[in-house]
Amino acid sequence: MKKGTFTSVWDGGFEVTTPAELNEETGEITAESVDPGDVDVLDREYFTDENENEYTVCPECHCFIMKTVMVDGIGSCYDEKEVCSDPDCENNL
């Protein structure tokens, strides 16, 4: 488990940061749930480890980091695509 912080960035630049852990095998993030208060639009979420490496959190499930995979492209080419680490997430459909 990597220790770090989970940050959610809301409309107007308001940020909420809590301690968190990242399971490196599954990509799952465990963090405390915090009520951000009177905000409407979630702009993005990310996990930052102790070495300041930043990982984008899935915008669908909000519990797993995104990973880069190679998918078939046009002809015999491959394209990179960002997908959720959770294979059951709607982001992967």
PDB file of N, CA and C in Angstrom:
ATOM      1  N   MET A   1       0.839  -1.182   0.000  1.00  0.00           N
ATOM      2  CA  MET A   1       0.000   0.000   0.000  1.00  0.00           C
ATOM      3  C   MET A   1       0.889   1.252   0.000  1.00  0.00           C
ATOM      4  N   LYS A   2       0.548   2.163  -0.895  1.00  0.00           N
ATOM      5  CA  LYS A   2       1.232   3.456  -0.914  1.00  0.00           C
ATOM      6  C   LYS A   2       0.412   4.433  -0.082  1.00  0.00           C
ATOM      7  N   LYS A   3       1.067   5.139   0.807  1.00  0.00           N
ATOM      8  CA  LYS A   3       0.401   6.173   1.592  1.00  0.00           C
ATOM      9  C   LYS A   3       0.509   7.487   0.849  1.00  0.00           C
ATOM     10  N   GLY A   4      -0.518   8.327   1.018  1.00  0.00           N
ATOM     11  CA  GLY A   4      -0.515   9.627   0.374  1.00  0.00           C
ATOM     12  C   GLY A   4      -1.758  10.404   0.724  1.00  0.00           C
ATOM     13  N   THR A   5      -2.216  11.208  -0.233  1.00  0.00           N
ATOM     14  CA  THR A   5      -3.419  12.018  -0.028  1.00  0.00           C
ATOM     15  C   THR A   5      -4.357  11.884  -1.222  1.00  0.00           C
ATOM     16  N   PHE A   6      -5.642  12.004  -0.934  1.00  0.00           N
ATOM     17  CA  PHE A   6      -6.687  12.013  -1.949  1.00  0.00           C
ATOM     18  C   PHE A   6      -7.208  13.436  -2.001  1.00  0.00           C
ATOM     19  N   THR A   7      -7.215  14.034  -3.184  1.00  0.00           N
ATOM     20  CA  THR A   7      -7.661  15.419  -3.338  1.00  0.00           C
ATOM     21  C   THR A   7      -8.780  15.497  -4.354  1.00  0.00           C
ATOM     22  N   SER A   8      -9.845  16.208  -3.975  1.00  0.00           N
ATOM     23  CA  SER A   8     -10.917  16.501  -4.929  1.00  0.00           C
ATOM     24  C   SER A   8     -10.933  18.009  -5.148  1.00  0.00           C
ATOM     25  N   VAL A   9     -11.015  18.397  -6.412  1.00  0.00           N
ATOM     26  CA  VAL A   9     -11.012  19.805  -6.794  1.00  0.00           C
ATOM     27  C   VAL A   9     -12.408  20.150  -7.303  1.00  0.00           C
ATOM     28  N   TRP A  10     -13.018  21.127  -6.667  1.00  0.00           N
ATOM     29  CA  TRP A  10     -14.402  21.504  -6.969  1.00  0.00           C
ATOM     30  C   TRP A  10     -14.448  22.839  -7.681  1.00  0.00           C
ATOM     31  N   ASP A  11     -15.656  23.174  -8.194  1.00  0.00           N
ATOM     32  CA  ASP A  11     -15.838  24.435  -8.920  1.00  0.00           C
ATOM     33  C   ASP A  11     -15.273  25.598  -8.101  1.00  0.00           C
ATOM     34  N   GLY A  12     -14.662  26.524  -8.802  1.00  0.00           N
ATOM     35  CA  GLY A  12     -14.058  27.677  -8.152  1.00  0.00           C
ATOM     36  C   GLY A  12     -12.689  27.387  -7.561  1.00  0.00           C
ATOM     37  N   GLY A  13     -12.153  26.178  -7.790  1.00  0.00           N
ATOM     38  CA  GLY A  13     -10.824  25.842  -7.302  1.00  0.00           C
ATOM     39  C   GLY A  13     -10.777  25.367  -5.862  1.00  0.00           C
ATOM     40  N   PHE A  14     -11.927  25.169  -5.218  1.00  0.00           N
ATOM     41  CA  PHE A  14     -11.979  24.692  -3.845  1.00  0.00           C
ATOM     42  C   PHE A  14     -11.486  23.258  -3.784  1.00  0.00           C
ATOM     43  N   GLU A  15     -10.528  22.964  -2.888  1.00  0.00           N
ATOM     44  CA  GLU A  15      -9.950  21.627  -2.781  1.00  0.00           C
ATOM     45  C   GLU A  15     -10.212  21.009  -1.416  1.00  0.00           C
ATOM     46  N   VAL A  16     -10.469  19.703  -1.409  1.00  0.00           N
ATOM     47  CA  VAL A  16     -10.594  18.930  -0.181  1.00  0.00           C
ATOM     48  C   VAL A  16      -9.547  17.826  -0.259  1.00  0.00           C
ATOM     49  N   THR A  17      -8.667  17.747   0.746  1.00  0.00           N
ATOM     50  CA  THR A  17      -7.599  16.760   0.773  1.00  0.00           C
ATOM     51  C   THR A  17      -7.673  15.951   2.058  1.00  0.00           C
ATOM     52  N   THR A  18      -7.584  14.620   1.919  1.00  0.00           N
ATOM     53  CA  THR A  18      -7.621  13.723   3.074  1.00  0.00           C
ATOM     54  C   THR A  18      -6.508  12.688   2.945  1.00  0.00           C
ATOM     55  N   PRO A  19      -6.048  12.128   4.070  1.00  0.00           N
ATOM     56  CA  PRO A  19      -5.082  11.032   3.995  1.00  0.00           C
ATOM     57  C   PRO A  19      -5.703   9.846   3.255  1.00  0.00           C
ATOM     58  N   ALA A  20      -4.875   9.104   2.523  1.00  0.00           N
ATOM     59  CA  ALA A  20      -5.393   7.982   1.744  1.00  0.00           C
ATOM     60  C   ALA A  20      -4.295   6.952   1.519  1.00  0.00           C
ATOM     61  N   GLU A  21      -4.717   5.774   1.039  1.00  0.00           N
ATOM     62  CA  GLU A  21      -3.786   4.717   0.665  1.00  0.00           C
ATOM     63  C   GLU A  21      -4.171   4.186  -0.708  1.00  0.00           C
ATOM     64  N   LEU A  22      -3.166   3.834  -1.482  1.00  0.00           N
ATOM     65  CA  LEU A  22      -3.362   3.277  -2.812  1.00  0.00           C
ATOM     66  C   LEU A  22      -2.873   1.839  -2.822  1.00  0.00           C
ATOM     67  N   ASN A  23      -3.755   0.917  -3.180  1.00  0.00           N
ATOM     68  CA  ASN A  23      -3.376  -0.474  -3.365  1.00  0.00           C
ATOM     69  C   ASN A  23      -2.756  -0.562  -4.763  1.00  0.00           C
ATOM     70  N   GLU A  24      -1.452  -0.772  -4.813  1.00  0.00           N
ATOM     71  CA  GLU A  24      -0.744  -0.756  -6.097  1.00  0.00           C
ATOM     72  C   GLU A  24      -1.118  -1.922  -6.999  1.00  0.00           C
ATOM     73  N   GLU A  25      -1.573  -3.024  -6.430  1.00  0.00           N
ATOM     74  CA  GLU A  25      -1.953  -4.188  -7.242  1.00  0.00           C
ATOM     75  C   GLU A  25      -3.289  -3.983  -7.941  1.00  0.00           C
ATOM     76  N   THR A  26      -4.257  -3.394  -7.242  1.00  0.00           N
ATOM     77  CA  THR A  26      -5.602  -3.246  -7.810  1.00  0.00           C
ATOM     78  C   THR A  26      -5.896  -1.839  -8.318  1.00  0.00           C
ATOM     79  N   GLY A  27      -5.165  -0.843  -7.835  1.00  0.00           N
ATOM     80  CA  GLY A  27      -5.437   0.543  -8.198  1.00  0.00           C
ATOM     81  C   GLY A  27      -6.513   1.181  -7.339  1.00  0.00           C
ATOM     82  N   GLU A  28      -6.977   0.456  -6.309  1.00  0.00           N
ATOM     83  CA  GLU A  28      -8.042   0.987  -5.453  1.00  0.00           C
ATOM     84  C   GLU A  28      -7.474   1.964  -4.420  1.00  0.00           C
ATOM     85  N   ILE A  29      -8.233   3.040  -4.198  1.00  0.00           N
ATOM     86  CA  ILE A  29      -7.858   4.053  -3.227  1.00  0.00           C
ATOM     87  C   ILE A  29      -8.796   3.954  -2.030  1.00  0.00           C
ATOM     88  N   THR A  30      -8.207   3.989  -0.841  1.00  0.00           N
ATOM     89  CA  THR A  30      -8.986   4.008   0.389  1.00  0.00           C
ATOM     90  C   THR A  30      -8.751   5.359   1.046  1.00  0.00           C
ATOM     91  N   ALA A  31      -9.842   6.110   1.255  1.00  0.00           N
ATOM     92  CA  ALA A  31      -9.734   7.434   1.868  1.00  0.00           C
ATOM     93  C   ALA A  31     -10.976   7.703   2.700  1.00  0.00           C
ATOM     94  N   GLU A  32     -10.844   8.648   3.619  1.00  0.00           N
ATOM     95  CA  GLU A  32     -11.993   9.077   4.402  1.00  0.00           C
ATOM     96  C   GLU A  32     -12.957   9.838   3.519  1.00  0.00           C
ATOM     97  N   SER A  33     -14.234   9.637   3.764  1.00  0.00           N
ATOM     98  CA  SER A  33     -15.245  10.399   3.044  1.00  0.00           C
ATOM     99  C   SER A  33     -15.460  11.727   3.773  1.00  0.00           C
ATOM    100  N   VAL A  34     -15.430  12.817   3.023  1.00  0.00           N
ATOM    101  CA  VAL A  34     -15.574  14.146   3.602  1.00  0.00           C
ATOM    102  C   VAL A  34     -16.638  14.906   2.824  1.00  0.00           C
ATOM    103  N   ASP A  35     -17.504  15.599   3.536  1.00  0.00           N
ATOM    104  CA  ASP A  35     -18.523  16.440   2.894  1.00  0.00           C
ATOM    105  C   ASP A  35     -17.852  17.748   2.477  1.00  0.00           C
ATOM    106  N   PRO A  36     -17.814  18.055   1.165  1.00  0.00           N
ATOM    107  CA  PRO A  36     -17.125  19.262   0.709  1.00  0.00           C
ATOM    108  C   PRO A  36     -17.899  20.549   0.991  1.00  0.00           C
ATOM    109  N   GLY A  37     -19.116  20.424   1.477  1.00  0.00           N
ATOM    110  CA  GLY A  37     -19.898  21.625   1.766  1.00  0.00           C
ATOM    111  C   GLY A  37     -20.723  22.054   0.571  1.00  0.00           C
ATOM    112  N   ASP A  38     -20.860  23.357   0.413  1.00  0.00           N
ATOM    113  CA  ASP A  38     -21.739  23.935  -0.597  1.00  0.00           C
ATOM    114  C   ASP A  38     -21.015  24.136  -1.930  1.00  0.00           C
ATOM    115  N   VAL A  39     -20.751  23.026  -2.627  1.00  0.00           N
ATOM    116  CA  VAL A  39     -20.138  23.078  -3.953  1.00  0.00           C
ATOM    117  C   VAL A  39     -20.992  22.244  -4.899  1.00  0.00           C
ATOM    118  N   ASP A  40     -20.918  22.552  -6.176  1.00  0.00           N
ATOM    119  CA  ASP A  40     -21.795  21.893  -7.141  1.00  0.00           C
ATOM    120  C   ASP A  40     -21.079  20.972  -8.118  1.00  0.00           C
ATOM    121  N   VAL A  41     -19.957  21.411  -8.649  1.00  0.00           N
ATOM    122  CA  VAL A  41     -19.330  20.701  -9.751  1.00  0.00           C
ATOM    123  C   VAL A  41     -17.953  20.176  -9.339  1.00  0.00           C
ATOM    124  N   LEU A  42     -17.778  18.867  -9.468  1.00  0.00           N
ATOM    125  CA  LEU A  42     -16.483  18.246  -9.211  1.00  0.00           C
ATOM    126  C   LEU A  42     -15.657  18.355 -10.485  1.00  0.00           C
ATOM    127  N   ASP A  43     -14.517  19.027 -10.402  1.00  0.00           N
ATOM    128  CA  ASP A  43     -13.658  19.201 -11.573  1.00  0.00           C
ATOM    129  C   ASP A  43     -12.741  18.005 -11.806  1.00  0.00           C
ATOM    130  N   ARG A  44     -12.098  17.526 -10.734  1.00  0.00           N
ATOM    131  CA  ARG A  44     -11.207  16.376 -10.873  1.00  0.00           C
ATOM    132  C   ARG A  44     -10.815  15.853  -9.503  1.00  0.00           C
ATOM    133  N   GLU A  45     -10.274  14.621  -9.484  1.00  0.00           N
ATOM    134  CA  GLU A  45      -9.771  14.010  -8.266  1.00  0.00           C
ATOM    135  C   GLU A  45      -8.436  13.342  -8.582  1.00  0.00           C
ATOM    136  N   TYR A  46      -7.550  13.330  -7.595  1.00  0.00           N
ATOM    137  CA  TYR A  46      -6.256  12.688  -7.809  1.00  0.00           C
ATOM    138  C   TYR A  46      -5.678  12.208  -6.483  1.00  0.00           C
ATOM    139  N   PHE A  47      -4.793  11.211  -6.592  1.00  0.00           N
ATOM    140  CA  PHE A  47      -4.066  10.673  -5.456  1.00  0.00           C
ATOM    141  C   PHE A  47      -2.615  11.102  -5.612  1.00  0.00           C
ATOM    142  N   THR A  48      -2.004  11.582  -4.520  1.00  0.00           N
ATOM    143  CA  THR A  48      -0.598  11.952  -4.537  1.00  0.00           C
ATOM    144  C   THR A  48       0.125  11.087  -3.513  1.00  0.00           C
ATOM    145  N   ASP A  49       1.160  10.350  -3.960  1.00  0.00           N
ATOM    146  CA  ASP A  49       1.890   9.494  -3.023  1.00  0.00           C
ATOM    147  C   ASP A  49       2.954  10.308  -2.282  1.00  0.00           C
ATOM    148  N   GLU A  50       3.677   9.634  -1.385  1.00  0.00           N
ATOM    149  CA  GLU A  50       4.671  10.306  -0.542  1.00  0.00           C
ATOM    150  C   GLU A  50       5.836  10.885  -1.338  1.00  0.00           C
ATOM    151  N   ASN A  51       6.026  10.408  -2.573  1.00  0.00           N
ATOM    152  CA  ASN A  51       7.098  10.926  -3.436  1.00  0.00           C
ATOM    153  C   ASN A  51       6.597  12.002  -4.391  1.00  0.00           C
ATOM    154  N   GLU A  52       5.369  12.498  -4.137  1.00  0.00           N
ATOM    155  CA  GLU A  52       4.743  13.550  -4.950  1.00  0.00           C
ATOM    156  C   GLU A  52       4.327  13.087  -6.344  1.00  0.00           C
ATOM    157  N   ASN A  53       4.237  11.752  -6.573  1.00  0.00           N
ATOM    158  CA  ASN A  53       3.709  11.235  -7.834  1.00  0.00           C
ATOM    159  C   ASN A  53       2.193  11.376  -7.788  1.00  0.00           C
ATOM    160  N   GLU A  54       1.617  11.893  -8.853  1.00  0.00           N
ATOM    161  CA  GLU A  54       0.177  12.144  -8.906  1.00  0.00           C
ATOM    162  C   GLU A  54      -0.505  11.147  -9.839  1.00  0.00           C
ATOM    163  N   TYR A  55      -1.623  10.584  -9.377  1.00  0.00           N
ATOM    164  CA  TYR A  55      -2.397   9.611 -10.138  1.00  0.00           C
ATOM    165  C   TYR A  55      -3.811  10.140 -10.303  1.00  0.00           C
ATOM    166  N   THR A  56      -4.309  10.157 -11.515  1.00  0.00           N
ATOM    167  CA  THR A  56      -5.679  10.597 -11.779  1.00  0.00           C
ATOM    168  C   THR A  56      -6.659   9.552 -11.270  1.00  0.00           C
ATOM    169  N   VAL A  57      -7.713  10.005 -10.597  1.00  0.00           N
ATOM    170  CA  VAL A  57      -8.749   9.120 -10.079  1.00  0.00           C
ATOM    171  C   VAL A  57      -9.882   9.045 -11.099  1.00  0.00           C
ATOM    172  N   CYS A  58     -10.476   7.870 -11.226  1.00  0.00           N
ATOM    173  CA  CYS A  58     -11.560   7.650 -12.184  1.00  0.00           C
ATOM    174  C   CYS A  58     -12.724   8.608 -11.925  1.00  0.00           C
ATOM    175  N   PRO A  59     -13.181   9.323 -12.960  1.00  0.00           N
ATOM    176  CA  PRO A  59     -14.295  10.257 -12.786  1.00  0.00           C
ATOM    177  C   PRO A  59     -15.655   9.566 -12.674  1.00  0.00           C
ATOM    178  N   GLU A  60     -15.705   8.254 -12.910  1.00  0.00           N
ATOM    179  CA  GLU A  60     -16.970   7.516 -12.811  1.00  0.00           C
ATOM    180  C   GLU A  60     -17.174   6.921 -11.423  1.00  0.00           C
ATOM    181  N   CYS A  61     -16.225   6.101 -10.967  1.00  0.00           N
ATOM    182  CA  CYS A  61     -16.401   5.381  -9.696  1.00  0.00           C
ATOM    183  C   CYS A  61     -15.771   6.120  -8.513  1.00  0.00           C
ATOM    184  N   HIS A  62     -14.787   6.994  -8.758  1.00  0.00           N
ATOM    185  CA  HIS A  62     -14.136   7.806  -7.729  1.00  0.00           C
ATOM    186  C   HIS A  62     -13.351   6.993  -6.707  1.00  0.00           C
ATOM    187  N   CYS A  63     -13.063   5.715  -6.982  1.00  0.00           N
ATOM    188  CA  CYS A  63     -12.393   4.841  -6.007  1.00  0.00           C
ATOM    189  C   CYS A  63     -11.122   4.190  -6.537  1.00  0.00           C
ATOM    190  N   PHE A  64     -10.857   4.297  -7.821  1.00  0.00           N
ATOM    191  CA  PHE A  64      -9.702   3.649  -8.432  1.00  0.00           C
ATOM    192  C   PHE A  64      -8.955   4.669  -9.295  1.00  0.00           C
ATOM    193  N   ILE A  65      -7.642   4.427  -9.481  1.00  0.00           N
ATOM    194  CA  ILE A  65      -6.870   5.309 -10.346  1.00  0.00           C
ATOM    195  C   ILE A  65      -7.061   4.895 -11.808  1.00  0.00           C
ATOM    196  N   MET A  66      -6.785   5.820 -12.686  1.00  0.00           N
ATOM    197  CA  MET A  66      -6.820   5.540 -14.114  1.00  0.00           C
ATOM    198  C   MET A  66      -5.475   4.922 -14.518  1.00  0.00           C
ATOM    199  N   LYS A  67      -5.508   4.071 -15.547  1.00  0.00           N
ATOM    200  CA  LYS A  67      -4.285   3.479 -16.077  1.00  0.00           C
ATOM    201  C   LYS A  67      -4.319   3.575 -17.595  1.00  0.00           C
ATOM    202  N   THR A  68      -3.155   3.527 -18.197  1.00  0.00           N
ATOM    203  CA  THR A  68      -3.042   3.591 -19.653  1.00  0.00           C
ATOM    204  C   THR A  68      -2.956   2.177 -20.203  1.00  0.00           C
ATOM    205  N   VAL A  69      -3.787   1.903 -21.206  1.00  0.00           N
ATOM    206  CA  VAL A  69      -3.761   0.611 -21.885  1.00  0.00           C
ATOM    207  C   VAL A  69      -3.632   0.856 -23.384  1.00  0.00           C
ATOM    208  N   MET A  70      -3.182  -0.166 -24.084  1.00  0.00           N
ATOM    209  CA  MET A  70      -3.085  -0.087 -25.537  1.00  0.00           C
ATOM    210  C   MET A  70      -4.298  -0.785 -26.137  1.00  0.00           C
ATOM    211  N   VAL A  71      -4.940  -0.126 -27.097  1.00  0.00           N
ATOM    212  CA  VAL A  71      -6.103  -0.700 -27.773  1.00  0.00           C
ATOM    213  C   VAL A  71      -5.849  -0.691 -29.269  1.00  0.00           C
ATOM    214  N   ASP A  72      -6.557  -1.555 -29.978  1.00  0.00           N
ATOM    215  CA  ASP A  72      -6.412  -1.595 -31.428  1.00  0.00           C
ATOM    216  C   ASP A  72      -6.786  -0.250 -32.027  1.00  0.00           C
ATOM    217  N   GLY A  73      -5.938   0.209 -32.926  1.00  0.00           N
ATOM    218  CA  GLY A  73      -6.202   1.453 -33.630  1.00  0.00           C
ATOM    219  C   GLY A  73      -6.568   1.150 -35.076  1.00  0.00           C
ATOM    220  N   ILE A  74      -6.305   2.091 -35.934  1.00  0.00           N
ATOM    221  CA  ILE A  74      -6.589   1.926 -37.355  1.00  0.00           C
ATOM    222  C   ILE A  74      -5.495   1.076 -37.986  1.00  0.00           C
ATOM    223  N   GLY A  75      -5.897   0.083 -38.748  1.00  0.00           N
ATOM    224  CA  GLY A  75      -4.925  -0.801 -39.396  1.00  0.00           C
ATOM    225  C   GLY A  75      -4.195  -1.648 -38.372  1.00  0.00           C
ATOM    226  N   SER A  76      -2.872  -1.647 -38.440  1.00  0.00           N
ATOM    227  CA  SER A  76      -2.083  -2.445 -37.505  1.00  0.00           C
ATOM    228  C   SER A  76      -1.486  -1.588 -36.391  1.00  0.00           C
ATOM    229  N   CYS A  77      -2.051  -0.405 -36.185  1.00  0.00           N
ATOM    230  CA  CYS A  77      -1.561   0.518 -35.150  1.00  0.00           C
ATOM    231  C   CYS A  77      -2.285   0.282 -33.832  1.00  0.00           C
ATOM    232  N   TYR A  78      -1.663   0.750 -32.762  1.00  0.00           N
ATOM    233  CA  TYR A  78      -2.274   0.730 -31.443  1.00  0.00           C
ATOM    234  C   TYR A  78      -2.411   2.154 -30.941  1.00  0.00           C
ATOM    235  N   ASP A  79      -3.437   2.384 -30.134  1.00  0.00           N
ATOM    236  CA  ASP A  79      -3.650   3.686 -29.529  1.00  0.00           C
ATOM    237  C   ASP A  79      -3.632   3.532 -28.017  1.00  0.00           C
ATOM    238  N   GLU A  80      -3.188   4.589 -27.324  1.00  0.00           N
ATOM    239  CA  GLU A  80      -3.242   4.597 -25.872  1.00  0.00           C
ATOM    240  C   GLU A  80      -4.611   5.091 -25.437  1.00  0.00           C
ATOM    241  N   LYS A  81      -5.128   4.480 -24.369  1.00  0.00           N
ATOM    242  CA  LYS A  81      -6.422   4.881 -23.843  1.00  0.00           C
ATOM    243  C   LYS A  81      -6.349   4.842 -22.320  1.00  0.00           C
ATOM    244  N   GLU A  82      -6.942   5.833 -21.663  1.00  0.00           N
ATOM    245  CA  GLU A  82      -7.011   5.866 -20.205  1.00  0.00           C
ATOM    246  C   GLU A  82      -8.291   5.160 -19.766  1.00  0.00           C
ATOM    247  N   VAL A  83      -8.138   4.154 -18.892  1.00  0.00           N
ATOM    248  CA  VAL A  83      -9.292   3.416 -18.372  1.00  0.00           C
ATOM    249  C   VAL A  83      -9.152   3.288 -16.860  1.00  0.00           C
ATOM    250  N   CYS A  84     -10.243   2.970 -16.209  1.00  0.00           N
ATOM    251  CA  CYS A  84     -10.254   2.763 -14.771  1.00  0.00           C
ATOM    252  C   CYS A  84      -9.542   1.451 -14.440  1.00  0.00           C
ATOM    253  N   SER A  85      -8.853   1.416 -13.305  1.00  0.00           N
ATOM    254  CA  SER A  85      -8.187   0.188 -12.851  1.00  0.00           C
ATOM    255  C   SER A  85      -9.181  -0.882 -12.440  1.00  0.00           C
ATOM    256  N   ASP A  86     -10.413  -0.480 -12.133  1.00  0.00           N
ATOM    257  CA  ASP A  86     -11.466  -1.432 -11.757  1.00  0.00           C
ATOM    258  C   ASP A  86     -12.093  -1.984 -13.036  1.00  0.00           C
ATOM    259  N   PRO A  87     -11.919  -3.269 -13.335  1.00  0.00           N
ATOM    260  CA  PRO A  87     -12.466  -3.819 -14.575  1.00  0.00           C
ATOM    261  C   PRO A  87     -13.993  -3.792 -14.637  1.00  0.00           C
ATOM    262  N   ASP A  88     -14.673  -3.629 -13.488  1.00  0.00           N
ATOM    263  CA  ASP A  88     -16.127  -3.596 -13.465  1.00  0.00           C
ATOM    264  C   ASP A  88     -16.701  -2.179 -13.544  1.00  0.00           C
ATOM    265  N   CYS A  89     -15.851  -1.170 -13.621  1.00  0.00           N
ATOM    266  CA  CYS A  89     -16.299   0.223 -13.670  1.00  0.00           C
ATOM    267  C   CYS A  89     -16.942   0.530 -15.024  1.00  0.00           C
ATOM    268  N   GLU A  90     -17.959   1.390 -15.010  1.00  0.00           N
ATOM    269  CA  GLU A  90     -18.623   1.810 -16.247  1.00  0.00           C
ATOM    270  C   GLU A  90     -17.675   2.527 -17.183  1.00  0.00           C
ATOM    271  N   ASN A  91     -16.609   3.088 -16.667  1.00  0.00           N
ATOM    272  CA  ASN A  91     -15.624   3.809 -17.484  1.00  0.00           C
ATOM    273  C   ASN A  91     -14.958   2.877 -18.494  1.00  0.00           C
ATOM    274  N   ASN A  92     -14.965   1.584 -18.237  1.00  0.00           N
ATOM    275  CA  ASN A  92     -14.327   0.624 -19.125  1.00  0.00           C
ATOM    276  C   ASN A  92     -15.266   0.047 -20.184  1.00  0.00           C
ATOM    277  N   LEU A  93     -16.520   0.406 -20.130  1.00  0.00           N
ATOM    278  CA  LEU A  93     -17.488  -0.162 -21.089  1.00  0.00           C
ATOM    279  C   LEU A  93     -17.474   0.591 -22.396  1.00  0.00           C
TER     280      LEU A  93
END
